Protein backbone atom coordinates (compact mmCIF):
# COMPACT_ATOMS: atom_id res chain seq x y z
CA MET A 1 0.00 0.00 0.00
CA GLN A 2 2.79 2.38 0.90
CA ARG A 3 4.50 1.72 -2.44
CA SER A 4 1.22 2.39 -4.28
CA SER A 5 0.76 5.64 -2.37
CA ARG A 6 4.27 6.75 -3.24
CA LEU A 7 3.74 5.94 -6.92
CA ALA A 8 0.45 7.83 -6.91
CA ALA A 9 2.12 10.85 -5.32
CA ILE A 10 4.97 10.76 -7.86
CA GLY A 11 2.45 10.48 -10.68
CA ALA A 12 0.46 13.44 -9.39
CA ALA A 13 3.61 15.54 -9.05
CA PHE A 14 4.64 14.61 -12.60
CA LEU A 15 1.26 15.64 -14.02
CA ALA A 16 1.40 18.90 -12.09
CA ALA A 17 4.84 19.61 -13.48
CA LEU A 18 3.55 19.01 -16.98
CA ALA A 19 0.72 21.49 -16.40
CA LEU A 20 3.02 24.31 -15.29
CA PRO A 21 4.65 24.94 -18.68
CA ALA A 22 1.22 24.98 -20.29
CA LEU A 23 0.09 27.75 -17.96
CA ALA A 24 3.33 29.60 -18.53
CA GLN A 25 2.61 29.63 -22.26
CA ASN A 26 -0.48 31.81 -21.88
CA VAL A 27 -0.48 35.47 -22.90
CA LYS A 28 -1.60 37.69 -20.01
CA VAL A 29 -3.88 40.64 -20.75
CA THR A 30 -4.39 43.27 -18.05
CA PRO A 31 -6.69 46.29 -18.60
CA LEU A 32 -5.47 49.54 -17.02
CA GLY A 33 -8.78 51.38 -16.80
CA GLY A 34 -10.14 54.23 -14.75
CA ILE A 35 -11.65 52.36 -11.81
CA GLU A 36 -10.52 49.01 -10.40
CA GLY A 37 -12.79 46.14 -11.39
CA GLU A 38 -14.92 48.19 -13.81
CA PHE A 39 -15.23 48.93 -17.55
CA CYS A 40 -15.51 52.70 -17.86
CA PRO A 41 -16.02 55.28 -20.66
CA GLN A 42 -12.36 56.28 -21.06
CA ASP A 43 -10.92 52.75 -20.85
CA ARG A 44 -8.61 51.90 -23.75
CA ALA A 45 -5.32 50.74 -22.22
CA LEU A 46 -4.31 47.09 -22.16
CA VAL A 47 -1.02 45.46 -21.19
CA PHE A 48 -0.15 42.24 -23.02
CA GLU A 49 2.55 40.07 -21.45
CA ASP A 50 4.12 37.46 -23.66
CA PRO A 51 5.17 34.14 -22.08
CA ASN A 52 8.78 35.23 -22.64
CA GLY A 53 8.25 38.32 -20.45
CA THR A 54 7.92 40.97 -23.17
CA ARG A 55 5.29 43.51 -22.10
CA ILE A 56 3.30 45.59 -24.58
CA LEU A 57 1.16 48.60 -23.67
CA TYR A 58 -1.64 49.29 -26.15
CA ASP A 59 -3.17 52.80 -26.37
CA PRO A 60 -2.39 54.13 -22.86
CA GLY A 61 -4.85 56.97 -23.32
CA ARG A 62 -6.04 58.87 -20.27
CA THR A 63 -6.50 56.08 -17.71
CA VAL A 64 -2.83 55.23 -17.24
CA ALA A 65 -1.78 57.65 -14.52
CA GLY A 66 1.40 58.80 -16.21
CA ALA A 67 4.77 57.11 -16.27
CA GLY A 68 4.66 56.65 -12.51
CA ASP A 69 1.50 54.54 -12.54
CA PRO A 70 2.43 51.57 -10.30
CA ARG A 71 0.35 49.22 -12.45
CA LEU A 72 2.66 49.62 -15.44
CA GLY A 73 5.76 47.74 -14.34
CA LYS A 74 8.20 47.02 -17.15
CA ILE A 75 6.99 48.17 -20.56
CA ASP A 76 9.01 47.07 -23.58
CA VAL A 77 6.75 48.28 -26.37
CA ILE A 78 3.99 50.87 -26.73
CA LEU A 79 1.46 50.58 -29.56
CA ILE A 80 -0.54 53.65 -30.59
CA SER A 81 -3.42 53.11 -33.01
CA HIS A 82 -3.90 56.83 -33.77
CA MET A 83 -3.26 60.29 -32.39
CA HIS A 84 -6.55 61.17 -30.71
CA GLY A 85 -6.17 62.24 -27.10
CA ASP A 86 -8.14 59.32 -25.65
CA HIS A 87 -5.60 56.91 -27.19
CA VAL A 88 -2.22 58.66 -27.16
CA GLY A 89 -3.08 60.54 -23.97
CA ASN A 90 -3.35 64.34 -24.03
CA ALA A 91 -4.17 64.20 -20.30
CA HIS A 92 -4.42 61.47 -17.71
CA ASN A 93 -5.65 60.43 -14.29
CA LYS A 94 -3.95 62.02 -11.31
CA ALA A 95 -3.62 58.55 -9.78
CA PRO A 96 -5.21 55.15 -10.42
CA ASN A 97 -8.90 55.15 -9.46
CA SER A 98 -9.14 58.95 -9.33
CA GLY A 99 -12.68 60.25 -9.61
CA SER A 100 -15.50 57.94 -10.61
CA CYS A 101 -16.15 55.58 -13.49
CA GLU A 102 -18.47 58.06 -15.14
CA SER A 103 -16.37 61.14 -14.32
CA PRO A 104 -12.68 60.25 -13.90
CA ASP A 105 -10.16 62.82 -12.68
CA MET A 106 -8.07 63.53 -15.78
CA SER A 107 -6.61 66.75 -14.45
CA VAL A 108 -2.96 66.10 -15.37
CA SER A 109 -1.99 67.46 -18.78
CA ALA A 110 0.49 65.43 -20.85
CA LEU A 111 0.92 68.12 -23.50
CA PRO A 112 2.92 68.72 -25.57
CA ASN A 113 4.50 65.26 -25.26
CA SER A 114 1.52 62.90 -24.70
CA ASN A 115 1.10 60.23 -22.06
CA ALA A 116 2.55 57.65 -24.45
CA VAL A 117 5.79 59.58 -25.00
CA ASN A 118 6.25 60.28 -21.30
CA ILE A 119 5.82 56.59 -20.50
CA ALA A 120 8.25 55.60 -23.28
CA LEU A 121 10.86 58.03 -21.95
CA ALA A 122 10.56 56.74 -18.39
CA LYS A 123 10.43 53.05 -19.29
CA LYS A 124 12.86 53.25 -22.24
CA SER A 125 10.18 51.56 -24.33
CA LYS A 126 9.98 51.21 -28.08
CA ILE A 127 7.02 52.98 -29.70
CA VAL A 128 5.76 51.01 -32.70
CA THR A 129 3.40 52.81 -35.07
CA GLY A 130 2.52 52.82 -38.75
CA SER A 131 1.50 55.35 -41.37
CA GLU A 132 3.33 58.69 -40.88
CA MET A 133 3.29 58.63 -37.07
CA PRO A 134 6.88 57.41 -36.38
CA PRO A 135 8.61 60.72 -37.27
CA PHE A 136 6.35 62.57 -34.83
CA PHE A 137 7.23 60.23 -31.98
CA ALA A 138 10.92 60.24 -32.93
CA ALA A 139 10.93 64.05 -32.74
CA LYS A 140 9.28 64.00 -29.32
CA LEU A 141 11.79 61.47 -28.00
CA ARG A 142 14.70 63.50 -29.39
CA ALA A 143 13.39 66.74 -27.88
CA ASN A 144 13.28 65.09 -24.45
CA ASP A 145 16.76 63.50 -24.55
CA GLY A 146 15.34 60.13 -25.52
CA ASN A 147 16.47 57.92 -28.38
CA PRO A 148 14.61 58.74 -31.62
CA ALA A 149 15.47 55.25 -32.90
CA ASP A 150 13.05 53.91 -30.28
CA SER A 151 10.23 55.11 -32.55
CA MET A 152 9.81 52.16 -34.91
CA LEU A 153 7.90 51.94 -38.18
CA ALA A 154 5.62 49.08 -39.23
CA ARG A 155 3.61 50.14 -42.29
CA PHE A 156 0.75 48.20 -43.86
CA GLY A 157 1.92 44.84 -45.15
CA GLY A 158 5.12 44.94 -43.11
CA SER A 159 6.00 43.98 -39.56
CA VAL A 160 8.66 44.35 -36.89
CA THR A 161 9.69 41.88 -34.22
CA VAL A 162 10.49 43.20 -30.75
CA GLY A 163 11.31 40.91 -27.85
CA GLY A 164 10.17 37.85 -29.77
CA VAL A 165 6.76 39.37 -30.57
CA ARG A 166 5.84 40.13 -34.19
CA ILE A 167 3.86 43.36 -34.72
CA ALA A 168 2.09 44.31 -37.96
CA THR A 169 -0.19 47.25 -38.74
CA VAL A 170 -3.52 46.80 -40.53
CA ALA A 171 -6.07 49.20 -41.95
CA ALA A 172 -8.41 51.14 -39.67
CA LEU A 173 -11.08 53.41 -41.11
CA HIS A 174 -10.90 56.43 -38.80
CA SER A 175 -9.60 60.01 -38.70
CA ASN A 176 -6.09 60.65 -37.38
CA GLY A 177 -5.50 64.38 -37.15
CA LEU A 178 -2.74 65.61 -34.85
CA ASP A 179 -4.00 68.18 -32.34
CA PRO A 180 -1.97 71.42 -32.77
CA ASP A 181 -1.44 71.44 -28.99
CA TYR A 182 1.17 68.70 -29.54
CA ILE A 183 2.98 71.07 -31.91
CA GLY A 184 2.81 74.25 -29.84
CA GLY A 185 4.42 77.61 -30.58
CA GLU A 186 3.24 79.99 -33.26
CA LEU A 187 2.69 77.19 -35.77
CA GLY A 188 0.49 75.26 -33.38
CA LYS A 189 -1.47 78.40 -32.50
CA ALA A 190 -2.00 79.32 -36.16
CA MET A 191 -3.19 75.81 -36.97
CA LYS A 192 -5.55 75.79 -34.00
CA ASP A 193 -6.99 79.18 -34.93
CA ALA A 194 -7.60 77.90 -38.46
CA GLY A 195 -9.13 74.64 -37.25
CA ILE A 196 -6.45 72.59 -38.99
CA ALA A 197 -4.98 69.35 -37.60
CA GLY A 198 -1.53 68.01 -38.40
CA ASP A 199 -1.25 65.21 -40.97
CA VAL A 200 0.33 62.03 -39.59
CA GLY A 201 -1.21 59.69 -42.12
CA LEU A 202 -3.85 57.05 -41.68
CA ALA A 203 -5.05 55.50 -38.45
CA THR A 204 -4.08 51.86 -37.92
CA GLY A 205 -4.98 48.68 -36.15
CA TYR A 206 -2.50 45.97 -35.16
CA VAL A 207 -2.04 42.25 -35.51
CA VAL A 208 0.32 40.88 -32.86
CA ARG A 209 1.77 37.36 -32.98
CA PHE A 210 3.04 36.24 -29.59
CA SER A 211 5.74 33.64 -28.97
CA ASN A 212 3.17 31.00 -27.96
CA GLY A 213 1.45 31.32 -31.35
CA LEU A 214 -1.49 33.46 -30.24
CA VAL A 215 -2.47 36.03 -32.88
CA ALA A 216 -4.38 39.07 -31.58
CA TYR A 217 -6.18 41.71 -33.63
CA LEU A 218 -6.26 45.16 -32.00
CA SER A 219 -8.86 47.13 -33.95
CA GLY A 220 -7.99 50.67 -32.91
CA ASP A 221 -10.93 52.95 -33.75
CA THR A 222 -12.24 51.54 -36.98
CA GLY A 223 -15.34 51.14 -39.04
CA ILE A 224 -16.16 48.01 -41.01
CA VAL A 225 -13.50 47.28 -43.64
CA ALA A 226 -13.05 44.33 -45.98
CA ASP A 227 -9.48 43.93 -44.67
CA GLN A 228 -10.93 42.53 -41.47
CA GLU A 229 -11.82 39.42 -43.46
CA ARG A 230 -9.17 39.21 -46.17
CA VAL A 231 -6.19 40.40 -44.14
CA VAL A 232 -6.91 39.94 -40.42
CA ARG A 233 -8.77 36.63 -40.73
CA ASP A 234 -7.55 35.01 -43.96
CA PHE A 235 -3.90 36.06 -43.90
CA TYR A 236 -2.97 36.65 -40.26
CA LYS A 237 -5.56 34.19 -38.86
CA ALA A 238 -6.24 36.20 -35.69
CA THR A 239 -7.94 34.20 -32.92
CA LEU A 240 -8.27 36.93 -30.27
CA ALA A 241 -9.80 40.32 -31.08
CA VAL A 242 -9.93 43.59 -29.15
CA MET A 243 -12.88 45.38 -30.75
CA ASN A 244 -14.10 48.97 -30.38
CA ILE A 245 -17.88 49.16 -29.79
CA GLY A 246 -18.62 52.76 -28.79
CA ASP A 247 -20.73 54.03 -31.73
CA GLY A 248 -20.72 57.60 -33.02
CA PHE A 249 -16.94 57.84 -33.19
CA THR A 250 -16.33 54.16 -34.01
CA THR A 251 -18.32 51.03 -34.83
CA GLY A 252 -21.43 50.59 -32.72
CA PRO A 253 -22.23 47.33 -30.95
CA GLN A 254 -24.15 45.83 -33.88
CA GLU A 255 -21.53 46.84 -36.44
CA ALA A 256 -18.76 45.56 -34.17
CA ALA A 257 -20.64 42.28 -33.74
CA PHE A 258 -20.80 41.93 -37.55
CA VAL A 259 -17.03 42.39 -37.72
CA ILE A 260 -16.56 39.64 -35.14
CA ASN A 261 -19.22 37.20 -36.37
CA ASP A 262 -18.84 37.56 -40.13
CA LEU A 263 -15.39 38.96 -40.87
CA VAL A 264 -12.69 38.25 -38.27
CA LYS A 265 -14.36 35.20 -36.66
CA PRO A 266 -11.96 34.96 -33.70
CA VAL A 267 -12.19 32.43 -30.88
CA SER A 268 -12.60 35.18 -28.26
CA VAL A 269 -13.18 38.93 -28.17
CA ILE A 270 -12.48 41.71 -25.67
CA PRO A 271 -14.79 44.73 -26.12
CA SER A 272 -13.12 48.13 -25.95
CA HIS A 273 -13.82 51.85 -26.32
CA ALA A 274 -17.45 51.62 -25.16
CA ASN A 275 -17.66 55.34 -24.27
CA GLU A 276 -20.08 54.46 -21.48
CA VAL A 277 -20.24 53.01 -18.00
CA GLY A 278 -20.16 49.41 -19.17
CA THR A 279 -20.24 47.74 -15.78
CA VAL A 280 -21.49 48.39 -12.25
CA ASN A 281 -19.80 46.42 -9.48
CA GLY A 282 -18.03 44.42 -12.16
CA LYS A 283 -21.27 43.27 -13.82
CA VAL A 284 -22.56 44.33 -17.22
CA ARG A 285 -24.89 47.31 -16.93
CA PRO A 286 -28.35 46.39 -18.25
CA GLY A 287 -29.34 48.29 -21.39
CA SER A 288 -25.77 49.28 -22.18
CA LYS A 289 -23.95 49.07 -25.50
CA THR A 290 -21.62 46.63 -23.79
CA GLU A 291 -24.54 44.32 -23.06
CA ALA A 292 -25.85 44.67 -26.62
CA PHE A 293 -22.46 43.70 -28.05
CA ILE A 294 -22.03 40.70 -25.76
CA LYS A 295 -25.48 39.43 -26.69
CA ALA A 296 -24.86 39.93 -30.41
CA VAL A 297 -21.52 38.12 -30.78
CA ASN A 298 -21.24 34.39 -31.37
CA VAL A 299 -18.00 33.94 -29.43
CA PRO A 300 -17.10 34.45 -25.76
CA ALA A 301 -16.74 38.16 -24.93
CA HIS A 302 -14.45 38.89 -22.00
CA LEU A 303 -14.95 42.18 -20.18
CA PRO A 304 -11.80 44.31 -19.74
CA LEU A 305 -12.28 44.97 -16.03
CA SER A 306 -9.52 47.28 -14.85
CA GLY A 307 -6.75 45.45 -13.01
CA LYS A 308 -8.18 41.98 -13.67
CA THR A 309 -5.69 39.85 -15.60
CA MET A 310 -6.94 37.35 -18.16
CA GLU A 311 -4.79 34.65 -19.77
CA PHE A 312 -5.22 33.39 -23.33
CA ASP A 313 -3.72 30.26 -24.82
CA SER A 314 -2.30 29.86 -28.31
CA SER A 315 -5.75 29.15 -29.78
CA GLY A 316 -7.31 32.35 -28.42
CA LYS A 317 -9.25 30.70 -25.60
CA CYS A 318 -9.36 32.44 -22.23
CA ARG A 319 -7.96 30.04 -19.63
CA VAL A 320 -7.54 32.17 -16.49
CA GLY A 321 -9.45 35.19 -15.14
CA CYS A 322 -12.31 34.71 -17.60
């Protein structure tokens, strides 16, 4: 009996050891929103952690409380879908959980640099963007004694690999004007008086291939485009999608559901950019756009509750924190 017990114990330990590498191969996704445990109107920021330790911050926006936000940790790469203030960060929270979900305290200005640039300078992160955005970020890094080479280009149809993670840009149908406040001086004032924004090219989305094989589509702020089928699904074969659902400025919940159900067809989706109080006490708010989207999609939709880490396997299935 004792020998049988010992063999059983050894067998259990062996199986447990086999399970550990599997868990370690998951990609961790942590939302950095306005209020802990909620999905709020300004929430855009997500941190993706590859199994190899590479950490990617996507669209820090206004809810990351500057470079000193204790939730950030190490950041190797920053992805910016476009130059609007709620994505690049023209202002930000004074501290995590400042204000309320509906009315966050965004009293700290990040102009003329942006929240993204200030974080990149402090963390010595690479900034990966497409279109004509890289020269803007390179100039900001240079002006603040950073390394302009840390602003990296990945235009449509191309990709860069940073820290073992492959990053490609894809089309996003959205405006991308640069607020003159980022330019400043007489030129910035003249542009602002004339109602003219700076031209930094087209907005983008991203497709990110992690070292475990997971392929994630980050939509940015986009409308419905055929590329979501032919490029994102057919070529890159994305299995996890982060999809904007806010309506008015981006796709609404029904349009976003069409993108997920008929075009991208991922295994899982994370709603984003709802522009509303999406949850109350961590539960979907009845009658919300968030609820409408979740009901309309044919795949599991995982709420980006601030501070709650989810883990996705190579197939796009949520395995932890779902």
